């Protein structure tokens, strides 16, 4: 996937991890806000050295649960 192309919500199910920038795009927040959320443990991450990747499937669940809850309220 080219770095300028972000996955869609449905594509998360086919991926293991995504970049913090791609997660920020899906969440509608800034890149820095996503890094801060990852460091606070608010996003499901894998850290390898200094590199942070967001776990795709848990992020999908987080996003779809939030969407379901918003509709139900």
C-alpha atoms as a PDB file:
ATOM      1  CA  UNK A   1       0.000   0.000   0.000  1.00  0.00           C
ATOM      2  CA  UNK A   2       1.509   3.370  -0.938  1.00  0.00           C
ATOM      3  CA  UNK A   3       2.254   5.550   2.076  1.00  0.00           C
ATOM      4  CA  UNK A   4      -0.125   8.254   0.833  1.00  0.00           C
ATOM      5  CA  UNK A   5      -3.076   5.826   0.710  1.00  0.00           C
ATOM      6  CA  UNK A   6      -4.861   5.047   3.943  1.00  0.00           C
ATOM      7  CA  UNK A   7      -6.890   1.884   4.515  1.00  0.00           C
ATOM      8  CA  UNK A   8     -10.650   2.051   4.786  1.00  0.00           C
ATOM      9  CA  UNK A   9     -12.483   0.695   7.796  1.00  0.00           C
ATOM     10  CA  UNK A  10     -13.317  -2.528   5.931  1.00  0.00           C
ATOM     11  CA  UNK A  11      -9.687  -2.983   4.847  1.00  0.00           C
ATOM     12  CA  UNK A  12      -8.582  -3.093   8.506  1.00  0.00           C
ATOM     13  CA  UNK A  13      -9.796  -6.692   8.650  1.00  0.00           C
ATOM     14  CA  UNK A  14      -7.225  -7.706   6.028  1.00  0.00           C
ATOM     15  CA  UNK A  15      -4.251  -6.047   7.760  1.00  0.00           C
ATOM     16  CA  UNK A  16      -2.197  -6.904  10.843  1.00  0.00           C
ATOM     17  CA  UNK A  17      -1.065  -3.399  11.702  1.00  0.00           C
ATOM     18  CA  UNK A  18      -1.292   0.113  10.315  1.00  0.00           C
ATOM     19  CA  UNK A  19       0.737   3.254  10.805  1.00  0.00           C
ATOM     20  CA  UNK A  20      -0.154   5.773  13.475  1.00  0.00           C
ATOM     21  CA  UNK A  21      -0.811   8.270  10.680  1.00  0.00           C
ATOM     22  CA  UNK A  22      -3.309   5.898   9.020  1.00  0.00           C
ATOM     23  CA  UNK A  23      -5.046   5.326  12.363  1.00  0.00           C
ATOM     24  CA  UNK A  24      -5.254   9.080  12.877  1.00  0.00           C
ATOM     25  CA  UNK A  25      -6.915   9.400   9.483  1.00  0.00           C
ATOM     26  CA  UNK A  26      -9.529   6.755  10.353  1.00  0.00           C
ATOM     27  CA  UNK A  27     -10.168   8.352  13.738  1.00  0.00           C
ATOM     28  CA  UNK A  28     -10.390  11.871  12.334  1.00  0.00           C
ATOM     29  CA  UNK A  29      -7.684  13.188  14.649  1.00  0.00           C
ATOM     30  CA  UNK A  30      -4.250  14.678  14.101  1.00  0.00           C
ATOM     31  CA  UNK A  31      -1.148  12.541  13.780  1.00  0.00           C
ATOM     32  CA  UNK A  32       0.192  13.965  17.045  1.00  0.00           C
ATOM     33  CA  UNK A  33      -3.071  13.237  18.866  1.00  0.00           C
ATOM     34  CA  UNK A  34      -2.861   9.635  17.654  1.00  0.00           C
ATOM     35  CA  UNK A  35       0.734   9.296  18.893  1.00  0.00           C
ATOM     36  CA  UNK A  36      -0.309  10.733  22.251  1.00  0.00           C
ATOM     37  CA  UNK A  37      -3.251   8.317  22.479  1.00  0.00           C
ATOM     38  CA  UNK A  38      -0.966   5.392  21.611  1.00  0.00           C
ATOM     39  CA  UNK A  39       1.516   6.388  24.320  1.00  0.00           C
ATOM     40  CA  UNK A  40      -1.316   6.688  26.865  1.00  0.00           C
ATOM     41  CA  UNK A  41      -2.529   3.183  25.993  1.00  0.00           C
ATOM     42  CA  UNK A  42      -5.762   4.406  24.405  1.00  0.00           C
ATOM     43  CA  UNK A  43      -4.925   2.721  21.088  1.00  0.00           C
ATOM     44  CA  UNK A  44      -3.886  -0.933  20.642  1.00  0.00           C
ATOM     45  CA  UNK A  45      -0.201  -0.830  19.728  1.00  0.00           C
ATOM     46  CA  UNK A  46       2.791  -2.985  18.921  1.00  0.00           C
ATOM     47  CA  UNK A  47       6.119  -1.372  19.691  1.00  0.00           C
ATOM     48  CA  UNK A  48       9.303  -2.552  18.031  1.00  0.00           C
ATOM     49  CA  UNK A  49      12.195  -0.477  19.187  1.00  0.00           C
ATOM     50  CA  UNK A  50      11.130   3.126  18.672  1.00  0.00           C
ATOM     51  CA  UNK A  51       8.570   2.191  16.044  1.00  0.00           C
ATOM     52  CA  UNK A  52       4.863   2.207  16.943  1.00  0.00           C
ATOM     53  CA  UNK A  53       2.279   0.331  14.859  1.00  0.00           C
ATOM     54  CA  UNK A  54      -1.444   0.176  15.561  1.00  0.00           C
ATOM     55  CA  UNK A  55      -3.082  -3.258  15.699  1.00  0.00           C
ATOM     56  CA  UNK A  56      -5.651  -3.265  12.900  1.00  0.00           C
ATOM     57  CA  UNK A  57      -8.302  -5.690  14.186  1.00  0.00           C
ATOM     58  CA  UNK A  58      -8.624  -4.195  17.706  1.00  0.00           C
ATOM     59  CA  UNK A  59      -8.833  -0.741  16.112  1.00  0.00           C
ATOM     60  CA  UNK A  60     -11.617  -2.026  13.848  1.00  0.00           C
ATOM     61  CA  UNK A  61     -13.516  -3.324  16.884  1.00  0.00           C
ATOM     62  CA  UNK A  62     -12.981  -0.034  18.691  1.00  0.00           C
ATOM     63  CA  UNK A  63     -14.286   1.957  15.739  1.00  0.00           C
ATOM     64  CA  UNK A  64     -17.253  -0.278  14.974  1.00  0.00           C
ATOM     65  CA  UNK A  65     -18.285  -0.538  18.654  1.00  0.00           C
ATOM     66  CA  UNK A  66     -18.216   3.245  18.894  1.00  0.00           C
ATOM     67  CA  UNK A  67     -20.309   3.603  15.742  1.00  0.00           C
ATOM     68  CA  UNK A  68     -22.844   1.053  17.031  1.00  0.00           C
ATOM     69  CA  UNK A  69     -23.074   2.781  20.408  1.00  0.00           C
ATOM     70  CA  UNK A  70     -23.579   6.202  18.827  1.00  0.00           C
ATOM     71  CA  UNK A  71     -26.468   4.921  16.715  1.00  0.00           C
ATOM     72  CA  UNK A  72     -28.078   3.194  19.710  1.00  0.00           C
ATOM     73  CA  UNK A  73     -28.087   6.331  21.876  1.00  0.00           C
END
